[in-house]
C-alpha atoms as a PDB file:
ATOM      1  CA  MET A   1      83.925-124.381-104.048  1.00  0.00           C
ATOM      2  CA  SER A   2      85.824-124.044-100.811  1.00  0.00           C
ATOM      3  CA  ILE A   3      87.337-120.659-100.081  1.00  0.00           C
ATOM      4  CA  HIS A   4      90.676-122.431 -99.677  1.00  0.00           C
ATOM      5  CA  THR A   5      90.646-123.499-103.341  1.00  0.00           C
ATOM      6  CA  VAL A   6      90.012-120.043-104.775  1.00  0.00           C
ATOM      7  CA  GLN A   7      93.582-118.769-104.568  1.00  0.00           C
ATOM      8  CA  PRO A   8      95.181-121.850-106.238  1.00  0.00           C
ATOM      9  CA  VAL A   9      92.592-121.682-109.026  1.00  0.00           C
ATOM     10  CA  GLN A  10      93.358-117.977-109.543  1.00  0.00           C
ATOM     11  CA  GLN A  11      97.074-118.723-109.583  1.00  0.00           C
ATOM     12  CA  THR A  12      96.611-121.477-112.183  1.00  0.00           C
ATOM     13  CA  ALA A  13      94.464-119.253-114.395  1.00  0.00           C
ATOM     14  CA  THR A  14      96.962-116.420-114.089  1.00  0.00           C
ATOM     15  CA  ALA A  15      99.838-118.726-115.007  1.00  0.00           C
ATOM     16  CA  VAL A  16      98.032-119.648-118.230  1.00  0.00           C
ATOM     17  CA  ILE A  17      97.429-116.008-119.122  1.00  0.00           C
ATOM     18  CA  ILE A  18     101.035-115.025-118.370  1.00  0.00           C
ATOM     19  CA  ASP A  19     102.299-117.547-120.911  1.00  0.00           C
ATOM     20  CA  LEU A  20     100.143-116.099-123.685  1.00  0.00           C
ATOM     21  CA  ALA A  21     101.380-113.402-126.045  1.00  0.00           C
ATOM     22  CA  PRO A  22      99.190-110.281-126.145  1.00  0.00           C
ATOM     23  CA  SER A  23      98.002-111.198-129.641  1.00  0.00           C
ATOM     24  CA  ALA A  24      96.967-114.650-128.363  1.00  0.00           C
ATOM     25  CA  ARG A  25      95.034-113.058-125.494  1.00  0.00           C
ATOM     26  CA  LEU A  26      93.230-110.859-127.989  1.00  0.00           C
ATOM     27  CA  ALA A  27      92.460-113.870-130.208  1.00  0.00           C
ATOM     28  CA  ARG A  28      90.913-115.727-127.274  1.00  0.00           C
ATOM     29  CA  ALA A  29      88.884-112.690-126.314  1.00  0.00           C
ATOM     30  CA  VAL A  30      87.621-112.383-129.891  1.00  0.00           C
ATOM     31  CA  ALA A  31      86.554-116.044-129.804  1.00  0.00           C
ATOM     32  CA  MET A  32      84.826-115.471-126.472  1.00  0.00           C
ATOM     33  CA  ASN A  33      82.939-112.476-127.854  1.00  0.00           C
ATOM     34  CA  ARG A  34      81.903-114.440-130.926  1.00  0.00           C
ATOM     35  CA  ALA A  35      80.564-117.232-128.712  1.00  0.00           C
ATOM     36  CA  ALA A  36      78.559-114.709-126.677  1.00  0.00           C
ATOM     37  CA  ASP A  37      77.150-113.232-129.892  1.00  0.00           C
ATOM     38  CA  MET A  38      76.199-116.702-131.155  1.00  0.00           C
ATOM     39  CA  LEU A  39      74.268-117.444-127.965  1.00  0.00           C
ATOM     40  CA  ALA A  40      72.534-114.070-128.092  1.00  0.00           C
ATOM     41  CA  LEU A  41      71.609-114.646-131.744  1.00  0.00           C
ATOM     42  CA  ALA A  42      70.189-118.081-130.934  1.00  0.00           C
ATOM     43  CA  GLY A  43      67.880-116.456-128.418  1.00  0.00           C
ATOM     44  CA  LEU A  44      66.909-113.682-130.836  1.00  0.00           C
ATOM     45  CA  ARG A  45      66.082-116.175-133.593  1.00  0.00           C
ATOM     46  CA  ARG A  46      63.920-118.148-131.197  1.00  0.00           C
ATOM     47  CA  ARG A  47      62.031-115.021-130.106  1.00  0.00           C
ATOM     48  CA  HIS A  48      61.800-113.542-133.620  1.00  0.00           C
ATOM     49  CA  PRO A  49      61.723-116.460-136.092  1.00  0.00           C
ATOM     50  CA  SER A  50      60.534-114.318-139.011  1.00  0.00           C
ATOM     51  CA  ALA A  51      63.044-111.460-138.527  1.00  0.00           C
ATOM     52  CA  THR A  52      65.384-110.595-141.379  1.00  0.00           C
ATOM     53  CA  SER A  53      69.127-111.082-141.107  1.00  0.00           C
ATOM     54  CA  HIS A  54      69.578-107.306-140.861  1.00  0.00           C
ATOM     55  CA  ALA A  55      66.920-106.932-138.164  1.00  0.00           C
ATOM     56  CA  LEU A  56      68.597-109.658-136.122  1.00  0.00           C
ATOM     57  CA  GLY A  57      71.947-107.899-136.541  1.00  0.00           C
ATOM     58  CA  VAL A  58      70.498-104.635-135.258  1.00  0.00           C
ATOM     59  CA  ALA A  59      68.862-106.417-132.326  1.00  0.00           C
ATOM     60  CA  LEU A  60      72.174-108.111-131.502  1.00  0.00           C
ATOM     61  CA  ALA A  61      74.041-104.793-131.581  1.00  0.00           C
ATOM     62  CA  LEU A  62      71.497-103.254-129.209  1.00  0.00           C
ATOM     63  CA  GLN A  63      71.579-106.264-126.867  1.00  0.00           C
ATOM     64  CA  ARG A  64      75.379-106.240-126.810  1.00  0.00           C
ATOM     65  CA  ILE A  65      75.505-102.694-125.418  1.00  0.00           C
ATOM     66  CA  GLY A  66      72.454-103.073-123.184  1.00  0.00           C
ATOM     67  CA  ARG A  67      70.163-100.710-125.100  1.00  0.00           C
ATOM     68  CA  THR A  68      67.491-103.084-126.365  1.00  0.00           C
ATOM     69  CA  HIS A  69      64.709-100.546-125.792  1.00  0.00           C
ATOM     70  CA  ASP A  70      66.438 -97.574-127.452  1.00  0.00           C
ATOM     71  CA  ARG A  71      64.117 -97.020-130.409  1.00  0.00           C
ATOM     72  CA  ALA A  72      66.028 -94.024-131.732  1.00  0.00           C
ATOM     73  CA  LEU A  73      69.287 -95.955-131.900  1.00  0.00           C
ATOM     74  CA  ALA A  74      67.499 -98.988-133.370  1.00  0.00           C
ATOM     75  CA  ALA A  75      66.128 -96.805-136.173  1.00  0.00           C
ATOM     76  CA  ARG A  76      69.545 -95.278-136.761  1.00  0.00           C
ATOM     77  CA  LEU A  77      71.296 -98.646-136.980  1.00  0.00           C
ATOM     78  CA  THR A  78      68.527-100.017-139.202  1.00  0.00           C
ATOM     79  CA  LYS A  79      68.962 -97.127-141.614  1.00  0.00           C
ATOM     80  CA  ASP A  80      72.712 -96.554-141.545  1.00  0.00           C
ATOM     81  CA  THR A  81      74.319 -99.990-141.150  1.00  0.00           C
ATOM     82  CA  THR A  82      74.609-103.246-143.074  1.00  0.00           C
ATOM     83  CA  VAL A  83      74.760-105.450-139.969  1.00  0.00           C
ATOM     84  CA  SER A  84      73.575-109.037-140.272  1.00  0.00           C
ATOM     85  CA  ASP A  85      73.155-112.044-138.016  1.00  0.00           C
ATOM     86  CA  THR A  86      76.896-112.713-137.926  1.00  0.00           C
ATOM     87  CA  PRO A  87      78.976-112.594-134.720  1.00  0.00           C
ATOM     88  CA  ALA A  88      81.106-109.458-134.562  1.00  0.00           C
ATOM     89  CA  ASP A  89      84.879-109.164-134.242  1.00  0.00           C
ATOM     90  CA  PHE A  90      85.712-106.282-131.894  1.00  0.00           C
ATOM     91  CA  LEU A  91      89.367-106.429-132.931  1.00  0.00           C
ATOM     92  CA  SER A  92      88.531-105.628-136.558  1.00  0.00           C
ATOM     93  CA  VAL A  93      86.457-102.683-135.315  1.00  0.00           C
ATOM     94  CA  ALA A  94      89.411-101.393-133.280  1.00  0.00           C
ATOM     95  CA  LEU A  95      91.738-101.777-136.270  1.00  0.00           C
ATOM     96  CA  ARG A  96      89.357 -99.885-138.575  1.00  0.00           C
ATOM     97  CA  ALA A  97      89.140 -97.002-136.108  1.00  0.00           C
ATOM     98  CA  ALA A  98      92.920 -97.007-135.607  1.00  0.00           C
ATOM     99  CA  THR A  99      93.516 -96.931-139.364  1.00  0.00           C
ATOM    100  CA  VAL A 100      91.420 -93.769-139.659  1.00  0.00           C
ATOM    101  CA  CYS A 101      93.605 -92.099-137.025  1.00  0.00           C
ATOM    102  CA  ILE A 102      96.845 -93.315-138.587  1.00  0.00           C
ATOM    103  CA  ASP A 103      95.843 -92.113-142.058  1.00  0.00           C
ATOM    104  CA  LEU A 104      95.024 -88.652-140.677  1.00  0.00           C
ATOM    105  CA  GLY A 105      98.039 -88.429-138.370  1.00  0.00           C
ATOM    106  CA  ILE A 106      95.853 -88.203-135.256  1.00  0.00           C
ATOM    107  CA  PRO A 107      97.445 -89.567-132.058  1.00  0.00           C
ATOM    108  CA  TYR A 108      95.366 -92.434-130.706  1.00  0.00           C
ATOM    109  CA  LEU A 109      95.393 -95.377-128.349  1.00  0.00           C
ATOM    110  CA  ILE A 110      92.967 -98.167-127.545  1.00  0.00           C
ATOM    111  CA  GLY A 111      91.927 -98.538-123.911  1.00  0.00           C
ATOM    112  CA  GLY A 112      89.071-100.138-121.969  1.00  0.00           C
ATOM    113  CA  GLY A 113      88.366-103.842-122.289  1.00  0.00           C
ATOM    114  CA  VAL A 114      90.747-104.306-125.219  1.00  0.00           C
ATOM    115  CA  ALA A 115      93.651-102.957-123.164  1.00  0.00           C
ATOM    116  CA  SER A 116      92.579-105.113-120.214  1.00  0.00           C
ATOM    117  CA  THR A 117      92.717-108.168-122.461  1.00  0.00           C
ATOM    118  CA  VAL A 118      96.187-107.275-123.755  1.00  0.00           C
ATOM    119  CA  HIS A 119      97.571-106.899-120.247  1.00  0.00           C
ATOM    120  CA  GLY A 120      95.834-109.745-118.473  1.00  0.00           C
ATOM    121  CA  GLU A 121      92.055-110.061-118.265  1.00  0.00           C
ATOM    122  CA  PHE A 122      90.507-111.452-121.434  1.00  0.00           C
ATOM    123  CA  ARG A 123      86.730-111.363-121.414  1.00  0.00           C
ATOM    124  CA  THR A 124      83.760-110.232-123.429  1.00  0.00           C
ATOM    125  CA  THR A 125      83.651-106.529-124.158  1.00  0.00           C
ATOM    126  CA  ARG A 126      80.611-104.504-125.176  1.00  0.00           C
ATOM    127  CA  ASP A 127      82.456-101.694-126.949  1.00  0.00           C
ATOM    128  CA  VAL A 128      85.826-100.423-128.104  1.00  0.00           C
ATOM    129  CA  ASP A 129      87.380 -97.393-126.378  1.00  0.00           C
ATOM    130  CA  LEU A 130      89.345 -95.087-128.679  1.00  0.00           C
ATOM    131  CA  VAL A 131      91.315 -92.262-127.026  1.00  0.00           C
ATOM    132  CA  ILE A 132      92.399 -89.493-129.388  1.00  0.00           C
ATOM    133  CA  ARG A 133      94.069 -86.091-129.291  1.00  0.00           C
ATOM    134  CA  LEU A 134      91.928 -84.270-131.833  1.00  0.00           C
ATOM    135  CA  THR A 135      92.296 -80.604-132.728  1.00  0.00           C
ATOM    136  CA  PRO A 136      89.383 -78.469-133.996  1.00  0.00           C
ATOM    137  CA  ALA A 137      91.270 -78.088-137.286  1.00  0.00           C
ATOM    138  CA  ASP A 138      91.135 -81.864-137.821  1.00  0.00           C
ATOM    139  CA  ALA A 139      87.547 -82.362-136.656  1.00  0.00           C
ATOM    140  CA  ALA A 140      85.899 -82.176-140.082  1.00  0.00           C
ATOM    141  CA  ARG A 141      88.442 -84.517-141.709  1.00  0.00           C
ATOM    142  CA  PHE A 142      88.102 -86.951-138.830  1.00  0.00           C
ATOM    143  CA  ALA A 143      84.296 -86.879-138.976  1.00  0.00           C
ATOM    144  CA  ALA A 144      84.332 -87.558-142.723  1.00  0.00           C
ATOM    145  CA  ALA A 145      86.891 -90.376-142.524  1.00  0.00           C
ATOM    146  CA  LEU A 146      85.320 -92.076-139.518  1.00  0.00           C
ATOM    147  CA  GLY A 147      81.844 -91.530-140.965  1.00  0.00           C
ATOM    148  CA  ALA A 148      82.761 -93.581-144.016  1.00  0.00           C
ATOM    149  CA  GLN A 149      82.837 -96.714-141.862  1.00  0.00           C
ATOM    150  CA  PHE A 150      80.959 -95.736-138.712  1.00  0.00           C
ATOM    151  CA  THR A 151      77.584 -94.120-138.226  1.00  0.00           C
ATOM    152  CA  LEU A 152      77.929 -91.005-136.091  1.00  0.00           C
ATOM    153  CA  ASN A 153      76.528 -87.547-135.470  1.00  0.00           C
ATOM    154  CA  PRO A 154      79.194 -84.956-136.498  1.00  0.00           C
ATOM    155  CA  PRO A 155      77.902 -82.288-134.065  1.00  0.00           C
ATOM    156  CA  ASP A 156      78.733 -84.735-131.248  1.00  0.00           C
ATOM    157  CA  ILE A 157      82.413 -84.402-132.194  1.00  0.00           C
ATOM    158  CA  VAL A 158      82.233 -80.608-132.033  1.00  0.00           C
ATOM    159  CA  GLN A 159      80.497 -80.829-128.654  1.00  0.00           C
ATOM    160  CA  ALA A 160      83.106 -83.261-127.317  1.00  0.00           C
ATOM    161  CA  LEU A 161      85.961 -81.004-128.440  1.00  0.00           C
ATOM    162  CA  ALA A 162      84.321 -77.992-126.776  1.00  0.00           C
ATOM    163  CA  TYR A 163      84.187 -79.995-123.551  1.00  0.00           C
ATOM    164  CA  VAL A 164      87.869 -81.007-123.540  1.00  0.00           C
ATOM    165  CA  PRO A 165      89.018 -78.076-121.306  1.00  0.00           C
ATOM    166  CA  ALA A 166      86.352 -78.895-118.694  1.00  0.00           C
ATOM    167  CA  ALA A 167      87.339 -82.550-118.752  1.00  0.00           C
ATOM    168  CA  ALA A 168      91.001 -81.612-118.379  1.00  0.00           C
ATOM    169  CA  ALA A 169      90.184 -79.491-115.322  1.00  0.00           C
ATOM    170  CA  ASP A 170      87.949 -82.136-113.738  1.00  0.00           C
ATOM    171  CA  ARG A 171      88.848 -85.742-114.494  1.00  0.00           C
ATOM    172  CA  THR A 172      85.471 -86.974-113.295  1.00  0.00           C
ATOM    173  CA  GLN A 173      84.228 -85.532-116.604  1.00  0.00           C
ATOM    174  CA  ARG A 174      84.788 -87.027-120.056  1.00  0.00           C
ATOM    175  CA  ALA A 175      84.712 -85.369-123.477  1.00  0.00           C
ATOM    176  CA  THR A 176      83.324 -88.215-125.526  1.00  0.00           C
ATOM    177  CA  PHE A 177      80.937 -89.365-128.215  1.00  0.00           C
ATOM    178  CA  ALA A 178      79.755 -92.692-129.588  1.00  0.00           C
ATOM    179  CA  ALA A 179      79.945 -94.115-133.101  1.00  0.00           C
ATOM    180  CA  TYR A 180      78.731 -97.446-134.470  1.00  0.00           C
ATOM    181  CA  ASP A 181      80.538 -99.697-136.912  1.00  0.00           C
ATOM    182  CA  ARG A 182      78.471 -99.938-140.084  1.00  0.00           C
ATOM    183  CA  ALA A 183      79.447-103.565-140.705  1.00  0.00           C
ATOM    184  CA  THR A 184      78.714-104.941-137.230  1.00  0.00           C
ATOM    185  CA  GLY A 185      76.873-102.302-135.206  1.00  0.00           C
ATOM    186  CA  TYR A 186      79.676-102.529-132.645  1.00  0.00           C
ATOM    187  CA  GLN A 187      79.895 -99.434-130.460  1.00  0.00           C
ATOM    188  CA  LEU A 188      83.012 -97.269-130.583  1.00  0.00           C
ATOM    189  CA  ASP A 189      83.383 -94.893-127.631  1.00  0.00           C
ATOM    190  CA  VAL A 190      85.671 -92.029-128.656  1.00  0.00           C
ATOM    191  CA  PHE A 191      87.339 -90.072-125.855  1.00  0.00           C
ATOM    192  CA  CYS A 192      88.845 -86.706-126.794  1.00  0.00           C
ATOM    193  CA  VAL A 193      91.688 -85.652-124.506  1.00  0.00           C
ATOM    194  CA  GLY A 194      93.725 -82.497-124.195  1.00  0.00           C
ATOM    195  CA  ASP A 195      97.338 -81.824-123.399  1.00  0.00           C
ATOM    196  CA  THR A 196      97.463 -82.434-119.654  1.00  0.00           C
ATOM    197  CA  PRO A 197     100.538 -84.115-118.173  1.00  0.00           C
ATOM    198  CA  PHE A 198      98.672 -87.396-117.742  1.00  0.00           C
ATOM    199  CA  ASP A 199      97.289 -87.240-121.281  1.00  0.00           C
ATOM    200  CA  ARG A 200     100.835 -86.789-122.591  1.00  0.00           C
ATOM    201  CA  ALA A 201     102.069 -89.618-120.381  1.00  0.00           C
ATOM    202  CA  GLN A 202      99.413 -92.005-121.698  1.00  0.00           C
ATOM    203  CA  PHE A 203     100.382 -91.423-125.316  1.00  0.00           C
ATOM    204  CA  ALA A 204     104.096 -91.596-124.508  1.00  0.00           C
ATOM    205  CA  HIS A 205     103.642 -94.960-122.775  1.00  0.00           C
ATOM    206  CA  ALA A 206     101.236 -96.555-125.278  1.00  0.00           C
ATOM    207  CA  VAL A 207     102.513 -99.940-126.444  1.00  0.00           C
ATOM    208  CA  PRO A 208     102.426-101.315-130.016  1.00  0.00           C
ATOM    209  CA  ILE A 209     100.655-104.671-130.225  1.00  0.00           C
ATOM    210  CA  SER A 210     101.183-106.719-133.371  1.00  0.00           C
ATOM    211  CA  ILE A 211      98.161-108.490-134.819  1.00  0.00           C
ATOM    212  CA  PRO A 212      99.685-111.359-136.846  1.00  0.00           C
ATOM    213  CA  GLU A 213      96.467-112.258-138.678  1.00  0.00           C
ATOM    214  CA  THR A 214      96.322-108.829-140.317  1.00  0.00           C
ATOM    215  CA  ASN A 215      99.990-107.722-140.227  1.00  0.00           C
ATOM    216  CA  ALA A 216      98.736-104.631-138.392  1.00  0.00           C
ATOM    217  CA  VAL A 217      99.924-102.882-135.252  1.00  0.00           C
ATOM    218  CA  LEU A 218      97.518-101.488-132.687  1.00  0.00           C
ATOM    219  CA  MET A 219      98.606 -98.838-130.178  1.00  0.00           C
ATOM    220  CA  VAL A 220      97.200 -99.841-126.790  1.00  0.00           C
ATOM    221  CA  ALA A 221      97.260 -98.081-123.439  1.00  0.00           C
ATOM    222  CA  SER A 222     100.090 -99.367-121.228  1.00  0.00           C
ATOM    223  CA  ALA A 223      99.347-101.730-118.362  1.00  0.00           C
ATOM    224  CA  GLU A 224     100.060 -98.942-115.871  1.00  0.00           C
ATOM    225  CA  ASP A 225      97.785 -96.429-117.598  1.00  0.00           C
ATOM    226  CA  THR A 226      95.063 -99.047-117.953  1.00  0.00           C
ATOM    227  CA  ILE A 227      95.198 -99.606-114.207  1.00  0.00           C
ATOM    228  CA  LEU A 228      95.109 -95.885-113.457  1.00  0.00           C
ATOM    229  CA  THR A 229      92.259 -95.217-115.873  1.00  0.00           C
ATOM    230  CA  LYS A 230      90.205 -98.060-114.449  1.00  0.00           C
ATOM    231  CA  LEU A 231      90.829 -96.789-110.922  1.00  0.00           C
ATOM    232  CA  GLU A 232      89.624 -93.369-112.079  1.00  0.00           C
ATOM    233  CA  TRP A 233      86.433 -94.885-113.435  1.00  0.00           C
ATOM    234  CA  TYR A 234      86.024 -96.937-110.283  1.00  0.00           C
ATOM    235  CA  ALA A 235      86.241 -93.729-108.251  1.00  0.00           C
ATOM    236  CA  ILE A 236      83.446 -92.240-110.370  1.00  0.00           C
ATOM    237  CA  THR A 237      81.192 -95.299-110.611  1.00  0.00           C
ATOM    238  CA  PRO A 238      82.310 -98.342-108.581  1.00  0.00           C
ATOM    239  CA  SER A 239      82.208-101.468-110.735  1.00  0.00           C
ATOM    240  CA  ASP A 240      83.274-104.982-109.802  1.00  0.00           C
ATOM    241  CA  GLN A 241      84.477-105.551-113.369  1.00  0.00           C
ATOM    242  CA  GLN A 242      86.827-102.553-113.216  1.00  0.00           C
ATOM    243  CA  TRP A 243      88.301-103.845-109.961  1.00  0.00           C
ATOM    244  CA  VAL A 244      88.654-107.398-111.323  1.00  0.00           C
ATOM    245  CA  ASP A 245      90.457-106.013-114.394  1.00  0.00           C
ATOM    246  CA  VAL A 246      92.893-104.117-112.180  1.00  0.00           C
ATOM    247  CA  GLN A 247      93.562-107.122-109.954  1.00  0.00           C
ATOM    248  CA  THR A 248      94.125-109.456-112.902  1.00  0.00           C
ATOM    249  CA  ILE A 249      96.516-107.048-114.617  1.00  0.00           C
ATOM    250  CA  LEU A 250      98.450-106.733-111.357  1.00  0.00           C
ATOM    251  CA  ARG A 251      98.753-110.528-111.039  1.00  0.00           C
ATOM    252  CA  VAL A 252      99.684-111.110-114.683  1.00  0.00           C
ATOM    253  CA  GLN A 253     102.152-108.248-115.091  1.00  0.00           C
ATOM    254  CA  GLU A 254     103.737-108.441-111.603  1.00  0.00           C
ATOM    255  CA  GLU A 255     107.386-107.312-111.759  1.00  0.00           C
ATOM    256  CA  ALA A 256     106.937-105.893-115.262  1.00  0.00           C
ATOM    257  CA  LEU A 257     104.861-103.034-113.847  1.00  0.00           C
ATOM    258  CA  ASP A 258     106.477 -99.688-113.087  1.00  0.00           C
ATOM    259  CA  HIS A 259     105.279 -99.233-109.512  1.00  0.00           C
ATOM    260  CA  GLY A 260     107.007 -95.883-109.215  1.00  0.00           C
ATOM    261  CA  TYR A 261     104.984 -94.595-112.168  1.00  0.00           C
ATOM    262  CA  LEU A 262     101.788 -96.011-110.685  1.00  0.00           C
ATOM    263  CA  THR A 263     102.403 -94.526-107.247  1.00  0.00           C
ATOM    264  CA  THR A 264     103.334 -91.103-108.638  1.00  0.00           C
ATOM    265  CA  TRP A 265     100.346 -90.810-110.934  1.00  0.00           C
ATOM    266  CA  ALA A 266      97.938 -92.271-108.405  1.00  0.00           C
ATOM    267  CA  GLU A 267      98.938 -89.448-106.062  1.00  0.00           C
ATOM    268  CA  ARG A 268      98.629 -86.782-108.762  1.00  0.00           C
ATOM    269  CA  LEU A 269      95.229 -88.085-109.834  1.00  0.00           C
ATOM    270  CA  GLY A 270      93.868 -88.382-106.304  1.00  0.00           C
ATOM    271  CA  LEU A 271      93.779 -92.183-106.455  1.00  0.00           C
ATOM    272  CA  THR A 272      96.290 -93.105-103.744  1.00  0.00           C
ATOM    273  CA  THR A 273      93.759 -94.796-101.456  1.00  0.00           C
ATOM    274  CA  LEU A 274      92.366 -96.926-104.274  1.00  0.00           C
ATOM    275  CA  TRP A 275      95.807 -97.736-105.674  1.00  0.00           C
ATOM    276  CA  ASP A 276      97.102 -98.808-102.265  1.00  0.00           C
ATOM    277  CA  ALA A 277      94.072-101.068-101.778  1.00  0.00           C
ATOM    278  CA  ALA A 278      94.491-102.577-105.237  1.00  0.00           C
ATOM    279  CA  ALA A 279      98.225-103.111-104.752  1.00  0.00           C
ATOM    280  CA  ARG A 280      97.492-104.972-101.503  1.00  0.00           C
ATOM    281  CA  GLY A 281      95.054-107.231-103.329  1.00  0.00           C
ATOM    282  CA  GLU A 282      92.089-106.109-101.276  1.00  0.00           C
ATOM    283  CA  GLN A 283      88.478-106.614-102.261  1.00  0.00           C
ATOM    284  CA  ALA A 284      86.690-103.801-104.059  1.00  0.00           C
ATOM    285  CA  PRO A 285      85.853-100.941-101.649  1.00  0.00           C
ATOM    286  CA  HIS A 286      82.267-100.162-102.591  1.00  0.00           C
ATOM    287  CA  HIS A 287      81.666 -97.273-100.231  1.00  0.00           C
ATOM    288  CA  GLY A 288      83.144 -93.809-100.026  1.00  0.00           C
ATOM    289  CA  VAL A 289      85.363 -94.047-103.095  1.00  0.00           C
ATOM    290  CA  ALA A 290      83.888 -91.410-105.379  1.00  0.00           C
ATOM    291  CA  ARG A 291      85.813 -88.157-105.514  1.00  0.00           C
ATOM    292  CA  PRO A 292      84.069 -84.820-105.008  1.00  0.00           C
ATOM    293  CA  GLY A 293      82.429 -83.333-108.081  1.00  0.00           C
ATOM    294  CA  THR A 294      81.346 -86.594-109.696  1.00  0.00           C
ATOM    295  CA  ALA A 295      79.068 -85.640-112.566  1.00  0.00           C
ATOM    296  CA  GLU A 296      75.787 -87.217-113.466  1.00  0.00           C
ATOM    297  CA  ASP A 297      75.630 -89.133-116.727  1.00  0.00           C
ATOM    298  CA  ASP A 298      74.895 -86.822-119.668  1.00  0.00           C
ATOM    299  CA  SER A 299      75.384 -86.667-123.413  1.00  0.00           C
ATOM    300  CA  ARG A 300      79.098 -85.934-123.023  1.00  0.00           C
ATOM    301  CA  GLN A 301      79.761 -88.924-120.809  1.00  0.00           C
ATOM    302  CA  THR A 302      79.751 -92.525-121.941  1.00  0.00           C
ATOM    303  CA  ARG A 303      80.190 -95.441-119.564  1.00  0.00           C
ATOM    304  CA  MET A 304      83.516 -97.059-120.168  1.00  0.00           C
ATOM    305  CA  ASP A 305      83.683-100.797-120.851  1.00  0.00           C
ATOM    306  CA  LEU A 306      82.302-102.258-117.594  1.00  0.00           C
END
């Protein structure tokens, strides 16, 4: 393809996305994820023709999140889930997690790849990002309610909550833990946040997205906060996918974006250089973008949807 044809193709693709309702974007992304699962399952069946339906489901869940050699997680999913060789629906996983939060009165929003899809870039997504404001007093209730549908390690929740102050003081850190949907093996990355100004702003600006097929409403991070969060993650670990998400959201949302909000928070979060580059439509700056104090990956940090 000639370089001169790239921009018109991007413009045509963007025009199609702009005309879609958020629920329609999510539906297309679900179909895309199902197709990816079907292809992965075809390969698994070819490599393991005698495997049980459950074993194939576990293998698919591990392949989806890139942890095919994680024996401990494989054993956990084998024991604690009912997954089978059926393509997963990430939207149903997000709705199940949201329902737990709603029933308990816990503030939540969905971010990551789901939010990117809502605001512009629909694509396959390996996991669902759930952002919650959880208090220690609600931790046990939350663990019990989430544990009814997701396999998790309750001490991970306590550890994440203990790490919230450190994460609030240094935004290169994350107070997080992982859970796995019992029905599909789909990974749920739960991010516990505190009461910082940006945390409050994210919840205040979350947008309700109606899901017509289920008559449900999902609270999703705003387009602006999705951009800012992805720029934060890009500053920690540069990823082409994060940058593509940001660029697509910018093209799709255009005048609907609150540029004053973006500029203000980019400055407060130390992201001005990245935000300015993104706003100008520049290519991803792969060098010299990480902020001081970037932490190594540990048990409290989970890679966001890349």
